[in-house]
């Protein structure tokens, strides 16, 4: 019979990738976490983690075990919640990875509504400007801006979204004659750090032929705040515009971009009823929120 406490500790390290982070979640010291992981590996003569500069990464055997332990933990939580009368349909912890535009302007509203309906559920939103590694359990599911072409993954298109050029009211007061794209030449612009663009779908400035970005960040939120300060012209998600009353869209008839969000999950989770239920709620919520914000 396996010690459930050891498996619970293993899953915490698998999710966080760090002994320290796991110890904080579990409220036990890192040395105990390390000792329990070592005991589990010794018992089964199997290496579950490899240590790297990024932290503790799951081995192939560790990835398989993590998927099964996650399902077991969810089932246990559901059973215990049923004893106390708590909504047992959706409970436990689910971690969603997303690019920071989606994480900042869409997921807070969507996840807040889900949380209200399912109070036994703990939702974690991880906003990172890069592609998530689901096999390492960095997240239980992720939102991406392109469809992955490799890996054992399930991919569902969520929705299209639109982007346009925008600048602050104060900036436009200085440059009132912006009537065509050529008028942008020589003006300061805001965009991504070029060598940190993790997906070609995010290279918004290429259609403008702009090679130099005077003010750059790998964060959509930072870019938008730069624009709000009157720093220049940049590409902004339509769904983010309601959060920035200082900005105005410009040259919409000359440049309009359409991109898509995809929900990405590990193939091993196909029969995980808890993840399936949450994914369905997430898809419907994001579609509705994007439509609402773009309509605003």
C-alpha atoms as a PDB file:
ATOM      1  CA  UNK A   1       0.000   0.000   0.000  1.00  0.00           C
ATOM      2  CA  UNK A   2       1.401   3.370  -1.036  1.00  0.00           C
ATOM      3  CA  UNK A   3       1.746   6.183   1.506  1.00  0.00           C
ATOM      4  CA  UNK A   4      -0.717   8.836   0.293  1.00  0.00           C
ATOM      5  CA  UNK A   5       1.154  11.589   2.110  1.00  0.00           C
ATOM      6  CA  UNK A   6       4.281  10.828   0.044  1.00  0.00           C
ATOM      7  CA  UNK A   7       2.227  11.033  -3.154  1.00  0.00           C
ATOM      8  CA  UNK A   8       0.683  14.323  -2.047  1.00  0.00           C
ATOM      9  CA  UNK A   9       4.172  15.746  -1.478  1.00  0.00           C
ATOM     10  CA  UNK A  10       5.337  14.362  -4.832  1.00  0.00           C
ATOM     11  CA  UNK A  11       2.447  16.109  -6.616  1.00  0.00           C
ATOM     12  CA  UNK A  12       3.197  19.427  -4.911  1.00  0.00           C
ATOM     13  CA  UNK A  13       6.808  19.315  -6.146  1.00  0.00           C
ATOM     14  CA  UNK A  14       5.655  18.230  -9.620  1.00  0.00           C
ATOM     15  CA  UNK A  15       3.317  21.226  -9.831  1.00  0.00           C
ATOM     16  CA  UNK A  16       5.696  23.832  -8.445  1.00  0.00           C
ATOM     17  CA  UNK A  17       9.024  22.495  -9.735  1.00  0.00           C
ATOM     18  CA  UNK A  18      10.636  23.545  -6.467  1.00  0.00           C
ATOM     19  CA  UNK A  19      11.185  22.024  -3.024  1.00  0.00           C
ATOM     20  CA  UNK A  20      10.858  25.441  -1.416  1.00  0.00           C
ATOM     21  CA  UNK A  21       7.616  26.318  -3.181  1.00  0.00           C
ATOM     22  CA  UNK A  22       6.161  22.906  -2.418  1.00  0.00           C
ATOM     23  CA  UNK A  23       7.136  23.194   1.237  1.00  0.00           C
ATOM     24  CA  UNK A  24       5.351  26.537   1.478  1.00  0.00           C
ATOM     25  CA  UNK A  25       2.167  25.061   0.018  1.00  0.00           C
ATOM     26  CA  UNK A  26       2.366  21.979   2.232  1.00  0.00           C
ATOM     27  CA  UNK A  27       3.538  23.945   5.301  1.00  0.00           C
ATOM     28  CA  UNK A  28       6.426  21.577   6.001  1.00  0.00           C
ATOM     29  CA  UNK A  29      10.150  22.239   5.770  1.00  0.00           C
ATOM     30  CA  UNK A  30      12.058  21.681   2.469  1.00  0.00           C
ATOM     31  CA  UNK A  31      14.288  19.035   4.036  1.00  0.00           C
ATOM     32  CA  UNK A  32      11.237  16.903   4.832  1.00  0.00           C
ATOM     33  CA  UNK A  33       9.963  17.343   1.282  1.00  0.00           C
ATOM     34  CA  UNK A  34      13.315  16.231  -0.124  1.00  0.00           C
ATOM     35  CA  UNK A  35      13.471  13.240   2.213  1.00  0.00           C
ATOM     36  CA  UNK A  36       9.961  12.058   1.303  1.00  0.00           C
ATOM     37  CA  UNK A  37      10.655  12.335  -2.432  1.00  0.00           C
ATOM     38  CA  UNK A  38      13.872  10.350  -1.980  1.00  0.00           C
ATOM     39  CA  UNK A  39      11.951   7.696  -0.025  1.00  0.00           C
ATOM     40  CA  UNK A  40       9.373   7.366  -2.807  1.00  0.00           C
ATOM     41  CA  UNK A  41      12.075   7.041  -5.470  1.00  0.00           C
ATOM     42  CA  UNK A  42      14.009   4.494  -3.403  1.00  0.00           C
ATOM     43  CA  UNK A  43      10.922   2.391  -2.720  1.00  0.00           C
ATOM     44  CA  UNK A  44      10.166   2.053  -6.429  1.00  0.00           C
ATOM     45  CA  UNK A  45      13.775   2.173  -7.653  1.00  0.00           C
ATOM     46  CA  UNK A  46      12.700   4.883 -10.095  1.00  0.00           C
ATOM     47  CA  UNK A  47      13.943   8.427 -10.631  1.00  0.00           C
ATOM     48  CA  UNK A  48      10.952  10.762 -10.572  1.00  0.00           C
ATOM     49  CA  UNK A  49      12.754  14.097 -10.880  1.00  0.00           C
ATOM     50  CA  UNK A  50      15.915  15.511 -12.391  1.00  0.00           C
ATOM     51  CA  UNK A  51      17.324  18.723 -11.029  1.00  0.00           C
ATOM     52  CA  UNK A  52      18.005  21.451 -13.600  1.00  0.00           C
ATOM     53  CA  UNK A  53      18.616  25.222 -13.557  1.00  0.00           C
ATOM     54  CA  UNK A  54      14.821  25.599 -13.822  1.00  0.00           C
ATOM     55  CA  UNK A  55      14.211  23.485 -10.712  1.00  0.00           C
ATOM     56  CA  UNK A  56      12.887  19.961 -10.315  1.00  0.00           C
ATOM     57  CA  UNK A  57      11.740  18.541 -13.652  1.00  0.00           C
ATOM     58  CA  UNK A  58       9.696  15.354 -13.950  1.00  0.00           C
ATOM     59  CA  UNK A  59      11.236  12.354 -15.639  1.00  0.00           C
ATOM     60  CA  UNK A  60       9.101  10.312 -18.030  1.00  0.00           C
ATOM     61  CA  UNK A  61       8.175   8.014 -15.149  1.00  0.00           C
ATOM     62  CA  UNK A  62       7.416  11.028 -12.984  1.00  0.00           C
ATOM     63  CA  UNK A  63       5.119  12.500 -15.640  1.00  0.00           C
ATOM     64  CA  UNK A  64       3.100   9.292 -15.770  1.00  0.00           C
ATOM     65  CA  UNK A  65       2.806   9.098 -12.005  1.00  0.00           C
ATOM     66  CA  UNK A  66       1.817  12.781 -11.716  1.00  0.00           C
ATOM     67  CA  UNK A  67      -1.101  12.308 -14.112  1.00  0.00           C
ATOM     68  CA  UNK A  68      -2.479   9.388 -12.070  1.00  0.00           C
ATOM     69  CA  UNK A  69      -1.926  11.032  -8.683  1.00  0.00           C
ATOM     70  CA  UNK A  70      -3.672  14.184  -9.873  1.00  0.00           C
ATOM     71  CA  UNK A  71      -6.763  12.168 -10.839  1.00  0.00           C
ATOM     72  CA  UNK A  72      -6.658  10.297  -7.516  1.00  0.00           C
ATOM     73  CA  UNK A  73      -6.409  13.530  -5.536  1.00  0.00           C
ATOM     74  CA  UNK A  74      -9.364  14.993  -7.412  1.00  0.00           C
ATOM     75  CA  UNK A  75     -11.447  11.874  -6.738  1.00  0.00           C
ATOM     76  CA  UNK A  76     -10.557  11.969  -3.047  1.00  0.00           C
ATOM     77  CA  UNK A  77     -11.493  15.653  -2.793  1.00  0.00           C
ATOM     78  CA  UNK A  78     -14.806  14.986  -4.523  1.00  0.00           C
ATOM     79  CA  UNK A  79     -15.609  12.151  -2.124  1.00  0.00           C
ATOM     80  CA  UNK A  80     -14.746  14.186   0.964  1.00  0.00           C
ATOM     81  CA  UNK A  81     -16.723  17.162  -0.271  1.00  0.00           C
ATOM     82  CA  UNK A  82     -19.723  14.904  -0.782  1.00  0.00           C
ATOM     83  CA  UNK A  83     -19.609  13.953   2.903  1.00  0.00           C
ATOM     84  CA  UNK A  84     -19.822  17.599   3.946  1.00  0.00           C
ATOM     85  CA  UNK A  85     -22.501  18.586   1.450  1.00  0.00           C
ATOM     86  CA  UNK A  86     -20.171  20.770  -0.634  1.00  0.00           C
ATOM     87  CA  UNK A  87     -20.754  20.778  -4.388  1.00  0.00           C
ATOM     88  CA  UNK A  88     -18.829  17.649  -5.364  1.00  0.00           C
ATOM     89  CA  UNK A  89     -18.961  18.153  -9.116  1.00  0.00           C
ATOM     90  CA  UNK A  90     -15.882  20.328  -9.319  1.00  0.00           C
ATOM     91  CA  UNK A  91     -13.327  20.677  -6.550  1.00  0.00           C
ATOM     92  CA  UNK A  92      -9.624  20.503  -5.773  1.00  0.00           C
ATOM     93  CA  UNK A  93      -6.962  22.578  -7.534  1.00  0.00           C
ATOM     94  CA  UNK A  94      -6.698  23.373 -11.247  1.00  0.00           C
ATOM     95  CA  UNK A  95      -3.856  25.468 -12.673  1.00  0.00           C
ATOM     96  CA  UNK A  96      -4.317  27.320 -15.961  1.00  0.00           C
ATOM     97  CA  UNK A  97      -1.368  28.738 -17.897  1.00  0.00           C
ATOM     98  CA  UNK A  98      -1.986  31.646 -20.246  1.00  0.00           C
ATOM     99  CA  UNK A  99      -0.224  34.475 -22.095  1.00  0.00           C
ATOM    100  CA  UNK A 100      -0.443  37.613 -20.003  1.00  0.00           C
ATOM    101  CA  UNK A 101      -2.929  39.413 -22.262  1.00  0.00           C
ATOM    102  CA  UNK A 102      -5.500  36.678 -21.717  1.00  0.00           C
ATOM    103  CA  UNK A 103      -4.466  36.218 -18.090  1.00  0.00           C
ATOM    104  CA  UNK A 104      -4.845  39.922 -17.257  1.00  0.00           C
ATOM    105  CA  UNK A 105      -7.913  40.979 -19.206  1.00  0.00           C
ATOM    106  CA  UNK A 106     -10.062  37.862 -19.669  1.00  0.00           C
ATOM    107  CA  UNK A 107      -9.365  35.081 -17.169  1.00  0.00           C
ATOM    108  CA  UNK A 108      -9.963  37.083 -13.949  1.00  0.00           C
ATOM    109  CA  UNK A 109     -13.625  37.647 -14.829  1.00  0.00           C
ATOM    110  CA  UNK A 110     -14.141  34.149 -16.247  1.00  0.00           C
ATOM    111  CA  UNK A 111     -12.486  32.349 -13.331  1.00  0.00           C
ATOM    112  CA  UNK A 112     -14.226  34.524 -10.753  1.00  0.00           C
ATOM    113  CA  UNK A 113     -17.596  33.432 -12.140  1.00  0.00           C
ATOM    114  CA  UNK A 114     -16.566  29.757 -12.154  1.00  0.00           C
ATOM    115  CA  UNK A 115     -15.256  30.060  -8.595  1.00  0.00           C
ATOM    116  CA  UNK A 116     -18.540  31.578  -7.426  1.00  0.00           C
ATOM    117  CA  UNK A 117     -20.452  28.588  -8.810  1.00  0.00           C
ATOM    118  CA  UNK A 118     -17.943  26.018  -7.501  1.00  0.00           C
ATOM    119  CA  UNK A 119     -16.636  27.197  -4.110  1.00  0.00           C
ATOM    120  CA  UNK A 120     -14.747  23.934  -3.486  1.00  0.00           C
ATOM    121  CA  UNK A 121     -12.542  24.579  -6.511  1.00  0.00           C
ATOM    122  CA  UNK A 122      -9.151  26.318  -6.253  1.00  0.00           C
ATOM    123  CA  UNK A 123      -8.198  27.998  -9.551  1.00  0.00           C
ATOM    124  CA  UNK A 124      -4.633  29.149 -10.201  1.00  0.00           C
ATOM    125  CA  UNK A 125      -3.845  31.437 -13.151  1.00  0.00           C
ATOM    126  CA  UNK A 126      -0.195  31.412 -14.207  1.00  0.00           C
ATOM    127  CA  UNK A 127       0.638  34.290 -16.562  1.00  0.00           C
ATOM    128  CA  UNK A 128       3.860  33.730 -18.445  1.00  0.00           C
ATOM    129  CA  UNK A 129       4.993  35.088 -21.822  1.00  0.00           C
ATOM    130  CA  UNK A 130       6.048  31.689 -23.117  1.00  0.00           C
ATOM    131  CA  UNK A 131       4.755  28.248 -24.075  1.00  0.00           C
ATOM    132  CA  UNK A 132       3.848  26.024 -21.126  1.00  0.00           C
ATOM    133  CA  UNK A 133       5.219  22.518 -20.701  1.00  0.00           C
ATOM    134  CA  UNK A 134       2.205  20.422 -19.738  1.00  0.00           C
ATOM    135  CA  UNK A 135       4.263  17.236 -19.459  1.00  0.00           C
ATOM    136  CA  UNK A 136       6.166  18.843 -16.566  1.00  0.00           C
ATOM    137  CA  UNK A 137       2.837  19.768 -14.977  1.00  0.00           C
ATOM    138  CA  UNK A 138       3.651  23.466 -15.093  1.00  0.00           C
ATOM    139  CA  UNK A 139      -0.097  23.759 -15.610  1.00  0.00           C
ATOM    140  CA  UNK A 140      -3.031  21.374 -15.866  1.00  0.00           C
ATOM    141  CA  UNK A 141      -4.105  23.088 -19.079  1.00  0.00           C
ATOM    142  CA  UNK A 142      -2.889  26.058 -21.049  1.00  0.00           C
ATOM    143  CA  UNK A 143      -4.185  28.716 -23.384  1.00  0.00           C
ATOM    144  CA  UNK A 144      -2.039  29.358 -26.455  1.00  0.00           C
ATOM    145  CA  UNK A 145      -2.111  31.679 -29.456  1.00  0.00           C
ATOM    146  CA  UNK A 146      -1.271  28.969 -31.982  1.00  0.00           C
ATOM    147  CA  UNK A 147      -2.052  25.298 -32.430  1.00  0.00           C
ATOM    148  CA  UNK A 148       0.833  23.056 -31.231  1.00  0.00           C
ATOM    149  CA  UNK A 149       2.166  20.657 -33.835  1.00  0.00           C
ATOM    150  CA  UNK A 150       4.135  18.330 -31.570  1.00  0.00           C
ATOM    151  CA  UNK A 151       3.514  16.363 -28.395  1.00  0.00           C
ATOM    152  CA  UNK A 152       0.668  14.178 -27.143  1.00  0.00           C
ATOM    153  CA  UNK A 153      -1.829  16.989 -26.725  1.00  0.00           C
ATOM    154  CA  UNK A 154      -5.521  17.711 -27.094  1.00  0.00           C
ATOM    155  CA  UNK A 155      -6.188  21.091 -28.713  1.00  0.00           C
ATOM    156  CA  UNK A 156      -9.482  22.950 -28.964  1.00  0.00           C
ATOM    157  CA  UNK A 157      -9.937  26.294 -30.652  1.00  0.00           C
ATOM    158  CA  UNK A 158     -11.562  28.696 -28.185  1.00  0.00           C
ATOM    159  CA  UNK A 159     -12.241  31.830 -30.200  1.00  0.00           C
ATOM    160  CA  UNK A 160     -10.802  34.425 -32.550  1.00  0.00           C
ATOM    161  CA  UNK A 161      -9.883  37.854 -31.230  1.00  0.00           C
ATOM    162  CA  UNK A 162      -8.935  41.125 -32.926  1.00  0.00           C
ATOM    163  CA  UNK A 163      -6.138  43.657 -32.545  1.00  0.00           C
ATOM    164  CA  UNK A 164      -5.654  47.191 -33.870  1.00  0.00           C
ATOM    165  CA  UNK A 165      -3.226  50.052 -33.640  1.00  0.00           C
ATOM    166  CA  UNK A 166      -3.809  52.362 -30.703  1.00  0.00           C
ATOM    167  CA  UNK A 167      -2.294  55.419 -29.039  1.00  0.00           C
ATOM    168  CA  UNK A 168      -3.179  57.695 -26.157  1.00  0.00           C
ATOM    169  CA  UNK A 169      -5.344  60.772 -26.549  1.00  0.00           C
ATOM    170  CA  UNK A 170      -2.383  62.924 -25.473  1.00  0.00           C
ATOM    171  CA  UNK A 171      -0.092  61.342 -28.100  1.00  0.00           C
ATOM    172  CA  UNK A 172      -2.663  61.774 -30.872  1.00  0.00           C
ATOM    173  CA  UNK A 173      -3.032  65.441 -29.968  1.00  0.00           C
ATOM    174  CA  UNK A 174       0.618  65.878 -31.030  1.00  0.00           C
ATOM    175  CA  UNK A 175       0.174  63.919 -34.283  1.00  0.00           C
ATOM    176  CA  UNK A 176      -3.347  64.666 -35.583  1.00  0.00           C
ATOM    177  CA  UNK A 177      -2.608  63.819 -39.239  1.00  0.00           C
ATOM    178  CA  UNK A 178      -2.323  60.017 -38.976  1.00  0.00           C
ATOM    179  CA  UNK A 179      -4.438  58.944 -41.940  1.00  0.00           C
ATOM    180  CA  UNK A 180      -2.353  56.140 -43.489  1.00  0.00           C
ATOM    181  CA  UNK A 181       0.215  53.584 -42.319  1.00  0.00           C
ATOM    182  CA  UNK A 182       3.072  55.512 -43.919  1.00  0.00           C
ATOM    183  CA  UNK A 183       2.376  58.344 -41.468  1.00  0.00           C
ATOM    184  CA  UNK A 184       3.711  56.131 -38.681  1.00  0.00           C
ATOM    185  CA  UNK A 185       7.242  56.090 -40.096  1.00  0.00           C
ATOM    186  CA  UNK A 186       9.564  57.888 -37.718  1.00  0.00           C
ATOM    187  CA  UNK A 187       7.088  57.921 -34.825  1.00  0.00           C
ATOM    188  CA  UNK A 188       7.953  56.156 -31.556  1.00  0.00           C
ATOM    189  CA  UNK A 189       6.358  52.743 -31.260  1.00  0.00           C
ATOM    190  CA  UNK A 190       5.701  50.216 -28.517  1.00  0.00           C
ATOM    191  CA  UNK A 191       5.888  46.464 -28.934  1.00  0.00           C
ATOM    192  CA  UNK A 192       7.490  43.158 -27.976  1.00  0.00           C
ATOM    193  CA  UNK A 193      11.160  42.584 -27.244  1.00  0.00           C
ATOM    194  CA  UNK A 194      11.939  41.016 -30.607  1.00  0.00           C
ATOM    195  CA  UNK A 195      14.173  38.179 -29.424  1.00  0.00           C
ATOM    196  CA  UNK A 196      11.646  37.246 -26.721  1.00  0.00           C
ATOM    197  CA  UNK A 197       8.678  36.711 -29.033  1.00  0.00           C
ATOM    198  CA  UNK A 198       7.803  33.090 -28.206  1.00  0.00           C
ATOM    199  CA  UNK A 199       5.232  32.637 -30.969  1.00  0.00           C
ATOM    200  CA  UNK A 200       5.266  34.034 -34.521  1.00  0.00           C
ATOM    201  CA  UNK A 201       1.599  34.995 -34.083  1.00  0.00           C
ATOM    202  CA  UNK A 202       2.755  37.712 -31.668  1.00  0.00           C
ATOM    203  CA  UNK A 203       5.007  39.492 -34.169  1.00  0.00           C
ATOM    204  CA  UNK A 204       2.435  42.233 -34.740  1.00  0.00           C
ATOM    205  CA  UNK A 205       4.756  44.914 -36.079  1.00  0.00           C
ATOM    206  CA  UNK A 206       6.048  42.901 -39.039  1.00  0.00           C
ATOM    207  CA  UNK A 207       3.131  43.999 -41.294  1.00  0.00           C
ATOM    208  CA  UNK A 208       4.212  47.593 -40.687  1.00  0.00           C
ATOM    209  CA  UNK A 209       7.782  46.915 -41.728  1.00  0.00           C
ATOM    210  CA  UNK A 210       8.998  48.284 -38.388  1.00  0.00           C
ATOM    211  CA  UNK A 211      12.306  46.790 -37.292  1.00  0.00           C
ATOM    212  CA  UNK A 212      13.120  49.122 -34.423  1.00  0.00           C
ATOM    213  CA  UNK A 213      10.954  49.183 -31.304  1.00  0.00           C
ATOM    214  CA  UNK A 214      11.789  52.193 -29.148  1.00  0.00           C
ATOM    215  CA  UNK A 215       9.890  50.943 -26.096  1.00  0.00           C
ATOM    216  CA  UNK A 216       9.573  47.199 -25.726  1.00  0.00           C
ATOM    217  CA  UNK A 217       8.447  44.625 -23.186  1.00  0.00           C
ATOM    218  CA  UNK A 218       7.691  40.916 -23.200  1.00  0.00           C
ATOM    219  CA  UNK A 219       4.467  41.767 -21.327  1.00  0.00           C
ATOM    220  CA  UNK A 220       1.277  42.919 -23.049  1.00  0.00           C
ATOM    221  CA  UNK A 221       0.222  44.733 -19.882  1.00  0.00           C
ATOM    222  CA  UNK A 222       3.475  46.696 -19.708  1.00  0.00           C
ATOM    223  CA  UNK A 223       3.158  47.616 -23.380  1.00  0.00           C
ATOM    224  CA  UNK A 224      -0.359  48.898 -22.835  1.00  0.00           C
ATOM    225  CA  UNK A 225       0.699  50.967 -19.837  1.00  0.00           C
ATOM    226  CA  UNK A 226       3.490  52.492 -21.930  1.00  0.00           C
ATOM    227  CA  UNK A 227       0.904  53.480 -24.525  1.00  0.00           C
ATOM    228  CA  UNK A 228      -1.311  54.950 -21.821  1.00  0.00           C
ATOM    229  CA  UNK A 229       1.594  57.199 -20.857  1.00  0.00           C
ATOM    230  CA  UNK A 230       1.711  58.621 -24.382  1.00  0.00           C
ATOM    231  CA  UNK A 231       4.902  56.770 -25.293  1.00  0.00           C
ATOM    232  CA  UNK A 232       3.949  56.035 -28.904  1.00  0.00           C
ATOM    233  CA  UNK A 233       1.826  53.830 -31.148  1.00  0.00           C
ATOM    234  CA  UNK A 234       1.356  50.087 -30.709  1.00  0.00           C
ATOM    235  CA  UNK A 235      -0.859  47.076 -31.294  1.00  0.00           C
ATOM    236  CA  UNK A 236      -3.530  46.507 -28.640  1.00  0.00           C
ATOM    237  CA  UNK A 237      -6.056  43.705 -28.198  1.00  0.00           C
ATOM    238  CA  UNK A 238      -9.605  44.915 -28.772  1.00  0.00           C
ATOM    239  CA  UNK A 239     -10.647  43.068 -25.603  1.00  0.00           C
ATOM    240  CA  UNK A 240      -8.165  45.150 -23.584  1.00  0.00           C
ATOM    241  CA  UNK A 241      -9.432  48.527 -24.781  1.00  0.00           C
ATOM    242  CA  UNK A 242     -12.236  48.832 -22.172  1.00  0.00           C
ATOM    243  CA  UNK A 243      -9.528  48.762 -19.486  1.00  0.00           C
ATOM    244  CA  UNK A 244      -7.628  51.701 -21.004  1.00  0.00           C
ATOM    245  CA  UNK A 245      -9.897  54.761 -21.417  1.00  0.00           C
ATOM    246  CA  UNK A 246      -6.835  56.877 -22.275  1.00  0.00           C
ATOM    247  CA  UNK A 247      -6.332  54.975 -25.544  1.00  0.00           C
ATOM    248  CA  UNK A 248      -7.965  55.322 -28.945  1.00  0.00           C
ATOM    249  CA  UNK A 249      -7.801  52.895 -31.861  1.00  0.00           C
ATOM    250  CA  UNK A 250      -6.388  54.358 -35.067  1.00  0.00           C
ATOM    251  CA  UNK A 251      -6.086  53.435 -38.747  1.00  0.00           C
ATOM    252  CA  UNK A 252      -8.526  50.556 -38.252  1.00  0.00           C
ATOM    253  CA  UNK A 253      -9.390  50.433 -41.937  1.00  0.00           C
ATOM    254  CA  UNK A 254      -5.693  50.081 -42.819  1.00  0.00           C
ATOM    255  CA  UNK A 255      -4.573  47.462 -40.299  1.00  0.00           C
ATOM    256  CA  UNK A 256      -6.732  44.884 -38.563  1.00  0.00           C
ATOM    257  CA  UNK A 257      -5.271  41.678 -37.147  1.00  0.00           C
ATOM    258  CA  UNK A 258      -7.104  38.500 -36.180  1.00  0.00           C
ATOM    259  CA  UNK A 259      -5.589  35.867 -33.925  1.00  0.00           C
ATOM    260  CA  UNK A 260      -6.978  32.857 -32.044  1.00  0.00           C
ATOM    261  CA  UNK A 261      -6.883  31.342 -28.587  1.00  0.00           C
ATOM    262  CA  UNK A 262      -6.520  27.561 -28.209  1.00  0.00           C
ATOM    263  CA  UNK A 263      -7.072  25.413 -25.142  1.00  0.00           C
ATOM    264  CA  UNK A 264      -4.241  22.896 -24.839  1.00  0.00           C
ATOM    265  CA  UNK A 265      -4.346  19.815 -22.608  1.00  0.00           C
ATOM    266  CA  UNK A 266      -2.297  16.683 -22.142  1.00  0.00           C
ATOM    267  CA  UNK A 267      -3.639  13.637 -23.994  1.00  0.00           C
ATOM    268  CA  UNK A 268      -3.316  11.645 -20.746  1.00  0.00           C
ATOM    269  CA  UNK A 269      -6.071  13.825 -19.261  1.00  0.00           C
ATOM    270  CA  UNK A 270      -8.651  12.953 -21.921  1.00  0.00           C
ATOM    271  CA  UNK A 271     -10.718  10.871 -19.471  1.00  0.00           C
ATOM    272  CA  UNK A 272     -10.283  13.197 -16.503  1.00  0.00           C
ATOM    273  CA  UNK A 273     -13.908  14.178 -15.892  1.00  0.00           C
ATOM    274  CA  UNK A 274     -12.960  17.043 -13.574  1.00  0.00           C
ATOM    275  CA  UNK A 275     -10.645  18.631 -16.152  1.00  0.00           C
ATOM    276  CA  UNK A 276     -13.227  18.024 -18.891  1.00  0.00           C
ATOM    277  CA  UNK A 277     -15.895  19.819 -16.903  1.00  0.00           C
ATOM    278  CA  UNK A 278     -13.636  22.749 -16.091  1.00  0.00           C
ATOM    279  CA  UNK A 279     -12.403  22.987 -19.697  1.00  0.00           C
ATOM    280  CA  UNK A 280     -15.992  23.227 -20.923  1.00  0.00           C
ATOM    281  CA  UNK A 281     -16.746  26.033 -18.468  1.00  0.00           C
ATOM    282  CA  UNK A 282     -13.515  27.807 -19.404  1.00  0.00           C
ATOM    283  CA  UNK A 283     -14.177  27.640 -23.155  1.00  0.00           C
ATOM    284  CA  UNK A 284     -17.705  28.992 -22.809  1.00  0.00           C
ATOM    285  CA  UNK A 285     -16.573  31.690 -20.390  1.00  0.00           C
ATOM    286  CA  UNK A 286     -13.695  32.943 -22.565  1.00  0.00           C
ATOM    287  CA  UNK A 287     -15.830  33.004 -25.707  1.00  0.00           C
ATOM    288  CA  UNK A 288     -18.515  35.042 -23.949  1.00  0.00           C
ATOM    289  CA  UNK A 289     -16.013  37.425 -22.331  1.00  0.00           C
ATOM    290  CA  UNK A 290     -14.108  38.147 -25.543  1.00  0.00           C
ATOM    291  CA  UNK A 291     -17.384  38.826 -27.366  1.00  0.00           C
ATOM    292  CA  UNK A 292     -18.531  41.137 -24.580  1.00  0.00           C
ATOM    293  CA  UNK A 293     -15.268  43.106 -24.298  1.00  0.00           C
ATOM    294  CA  UNK A 294     -14.818  43.470 -28.043  1.00  0.00           C
ATOM    295  CA  UNK A 295     -18.404  44.663 -28.290  1.00  0.00           C
ATOM    296  CA  UNK A 296     -17.687  47.279 -25.635  1.00  0.00           C
END
